[in-house]
Amino acid sequence: MKQNKIEVIQDIRGLSALMVVFYHCKSQLNEKDPSKDLLDGLFAGGAAGVDIFFVISGFIMVYCTSYTTFKNKANATLSFLLRRLVRIGPPYLILSTLYL
């Protein structure tokens, strides 16, 4: 079965995740570290990586799901929602119960 992937978009999503990681790591640098100013400048926009990541993830979810789901099934919307519920529901219920 061939998966419908757009490799460049997956790469950009990975880079945006790395932007966020480096943004958080730069806060661990000592104030006297000589590379602190350079890293502050390079990764100042790291918080934007969160937005980029979620926009791309939404695109991938809609694009890939519509391609595979709507092509093969007559009742695609219901099938999509049921698969999401089965995938997300149990962990949500377990974690909510543990939290309460």
C-alpha atoms as a PDB file:
ATOM      1  CA  MET A   1       0.000   0.000   0.000  1.00  0.00           C
ATOM      2  CA  LYS A   2       1.447   3.339  -1.055  1.00  0.00           C
ATOM      3  CA  GLN A   3       1.332   6.110   1.503  1.00  0.00           C
ATOM      4  CA  ASN A   4       0.548   9.595   0.304  1.00  0.00           C
ATOM      5  CA  LYS A   5       3.338  11.733   1.795  1.00  0.00           C
ATOM      6  CA  ILE A   6       4.748  15.040   0.811  1.00  0.00           C
ATOM      7  CA  GLU A   7       8.317  14.649   2.039  1.00  0.00           C
ATOM      8  CA  VAL A   8       9.224  18.359   1.939  1.00  0.00           C
ATOM      9  CA  ILE A   9       6.304  19.228   4.201  1.00  0.00           C
ATOM     10  CA  GLN A  10       7.335  16.497   6.642  1.00  0.00           C
ATOM     11  CA  ASP A  11      10.859  17.962   6.626  1.00  0.00           C
ATOM     12  CA  ILE A  12       9.550  21.457   7.367  1.00  0.00           C
ATOM     13  CA  ARG A  13       7.434  20.053  10.189  1.00  0.00           C
ATOM     14  CA  GLY A  14      10.543  18.400  11.637  1.00  0.00           C
ATOM     15  CA  LEU A  15      12.512  21.635  11.382  1.00  0.00           C
ATOM     16  CA  SER A  16       9.749  23.538  13.146  1.00  0.00           C
ATOM     17  CA  ALA A  17       9.856  20.996  15.986  1.00  0.00           C
ATOM     18  CA  LEU A  18      13.628  21.488  16.216  1.00  0.00           C
ATOM     19  CA  MET A  19      13.100  25.262  16.320  1.00  0.00           C
ATOM     20  CA  VAL A  20      10.998  24.808  19.437  1.00  0.00           C
ATOM     21  CA  VAL A  21      13.516  22.441  21.054  1.00  0.00           C
ATOM     22  CA  PHE A  22      16.433  24.827  20.448  1.00  0.00           C
ATOM     23  CA  TYR A  23      14.339  27.760  21.653  1.00  0.00           C
ATOM     24  CA  HIS A  24      13.818  25.985  24.968  1.00  0.00           C
ATOM     25  CA  CYS A  25      17.439  24.795  25.182  1.00  0.00           C
ATOM     26  CA  LYS A  26      18.875  28.294  24.754  1.00  0.00           C
ATOM     27  CA  SER A  27      17.307  29.336  28.043  1.00  0.00           C
ATOM     28  CA  GLN A  28      19.633  26.859  29.771  1.00  0.00           C
ATOM     29  CA  LEU A  29      22.748  28.762  28.697  1.00  0.00           C
ATOM     30  CA  ASN A  30      24.722  30.640  31.290  1.00  0.00           C
ATOM     31  CA  GLU A  31      24.629  34.448  30.979  1.00  0.00           C
ATOM     32  CA  LYS A  32      28.440  34.445  30.678  1.00  0.00           C
ATOM     33  CA  ASP A  33      28.470  31.925  27.834  1.00  0.00           C
ATOM     34  CA  PRO A  34      30.090  33.588  24.792  1.00  0.00           C
ATOM     35  CA  SER A  35      27.676  31.929  22.369  1.00  0.00           C
ATOM     36  CA  LYS A  36      24.548  33.104  24.222  1.00  0.00           C
ATOM     37  CA  ASP A  37      24.060  36.230  22.107  1.00  0.00           C
ATOM     38  CA  LEU A  38      24.499  34.280  18.883  1.00  0.00           C
ATOM     39  CA  LEU A  39      22.040  31.584  19.941  1.00  0.00           C
ATOM     40  CA  ASP A  40      19.562  34.178  21.205  1.00  0.00           C
ATOM     41  CA  GLY A  41      19.594  35.741  17.755  1.00  0.00           C
ATOM     42  CA  LEU A  42      19.402  32.465  15.855  1.00  0.00           C
ATOM     43  CA  PHE A  43      16.558  30.956  17.843  1.00  0.00           C
ATOM     44  CA  ALA A  44      14.590  34.031  18.885  1.00  0.00           C
ATOM     45  CA  GLY A  45      11.774  32.992  16.548  1.00  0.00           C
ATOM     46  CA  GLY A  46      11.615  29.475  17.911  1.00  0.00           C
ATOM     47  CA  ALA A  47       8.187  30.031  19.400  1.00  0.00           C
ATOM     48  CA  ALA A  48       6.850  30.410  15.851  1.00  0.00           C
ATOM     49  CA  GLY A  49       7.849  26.780  15.334  1.00  0.00           C
ATOM     50  CA  VAL A  50       4.804  25.764  17.380  1.00  0.00           C
ATOM     51  CA  ASP A  51       2.468  27.578  15.000  1.00  0.00           C
ATOM     52  CA  ILE A  52       4.233  26.220  11.926  1.00  0.00           C
ATOM     53  CA  PHE A  53       4.143  22.682  13.317  1.00  0.00           C
ATOM     54  CA  PHE A  54       0.406  22.723  14.047  1.00  0.00           C
ATOM     55  CA  VAL A  55      -0.571  24.374  10.762  1.00  0.00           C
ATOM     56  CA  ILE A  56       1.398  21.779   8.808  1.00  0.00           C
ATOM     57  CA  SER A  57       0.030  18.950  10.971  1.00  0.00           C
ATOM     58  CA  GLY A  58      -3.523  20.139  10.275  1.00  0.00           C
ATOM     59  CA  PHE A  59      -2.805  20.279   6.565  1.00  0.00           C
ATOM     60  CA  ILE A  60      -1.333  16.782   6.578  1.00  0.00           C
ATOM     61  CA  MET A  61      -4.278  15.409   8.537  1.00  0.00           C
ATOM     62  CA  VAL A  62      -6.837  16.909   6.167  1.00  0.00           C
ATOM     63  CA  TYR A  63      -4.942  16.298   2.926  1.00  0.00           C
ATOM     64  CA  CYS A  64      -3.747  12.752   3.572  1.00  0.00           C
ATOM     65  CA  THR A  65      -6.941  11.640   5.271  1.00  0.00           C
ATOM     66  CA  SER A  66      -9.171  13.025   2.547  1.00  0.00           C
ATOM     67  CA  TYR A  67      -7.004  11.394  -0.111  1.00  0.00           C
ATOM     68  CA  THR A  68      -7.051   7.946   1.461  1.00  0.00           C
ATOM     69  CA  THR A  69     -10.472   8.036   3.112  1.00  0.00           C
ATOM     70  CA  PHE A  70     -12.666   9.746   0.562  1.00  0.00           C
ATOM     71  CA  LYS A  71     -11.157   7.800  -2.313  1.00  0.00           C
ATOM     72  CA  ASN A  72     -12.011   4.412  -0.857  1.00  0.00           C
ATOM     73  CA  LYS A  73     -15.131   4.743   1.285  1.00  0.00           C
ATOM     74  CA  ALA A  74     -18.673   5.889   0.720  1.00  0.00           C
ATOM     75  CA  ASN A  75     -19.250   6.903   4.346  1.00  0.00           C
ATOM     76  CA  ALA A  76     -15.849   8.548   4.783  1.00  0.00           C
ATOM     77  CA  THR A  77     -16.673  11.286   7.308  1.00  0.00           C
ATOM     78  CA  LEU A  78     -18.224   8.891   9.811  1.00  0.00           C
ATOM     79  CA  SER A  79     -15.361   6.458   9.336  1.00  0.00           C
ATOM     80  CA  PHE A  80     -12.804   9.219   9.941  1.00  0.00           C
ATOM     81  CA  LEU A  81     -14.556  10.412  13.109  1.00  0.00           C
ATOM     82  CA  LEU A  82     -14.891   6.889  14.504  1.00  0.00           C
ATOM     83  CA  ARG A  83     -11.198   6.144  13.914  1.00  0.00           C
ATOM     84  CA  ARG A  84     -10.258   9.397  15.699  1.00  0.00           C
ATOM     85  CA  LEU A  85     -12.559   8.598  18.604  1.00  0.00           C
ATOM     86  CA  VAL A  86     -11.099   5.103  18.990  1.00  0.00           C
ATOM     87  CA  ARG A  87      -7.577   6.515  18.827  1.00  0.00           C
ATOM     88  CA  ILE A  88      -8.012   9.538  21.113  1.00  0.00           C
ATOM     89  CA  GLY A  89     -10.865   8.479  23.420  1.00  0.00           C
ATOM     90  CA  PRO A  90      -9.228   5.776  25.564  1.00  0.00           C
ATOM     91  CA  PRO A  91      -6.077   7.764  26.468  1.00  0.00           C
ATOM     92  CA  TYR A  92      -8.237  10.800  27.196  1.00  0.00           C
ATOM     93  CA  LEU A  93     -10.532   8.849  29.515  1.00  0.00           C
ATOM     94  CA  ILE A  94      -7.637   7.131  31.291  1.00  0.00           C
ATOM     95  CA  LEU A  95      -5.700  10.353  31.862  1.00  0.00           C
ATOM     96  CA  SER A  96      -8.828  12.273  32.906  1.00  0.00           C
ATOM     97  CA  THR A  97      -9.662   9.558  35.429  1.00  0.00           C
ATOM     98  CA  LEU A  98      -6.126   9.593  36.817  1.00  0.00           C
ATOM     99  CA  TYR A  99      -6.234  13.393  37.072  1.00  0.00           C
ATOM    100  CA  LEU A 100      -9.518  13.379  38.986  1.00  0.00           C
END
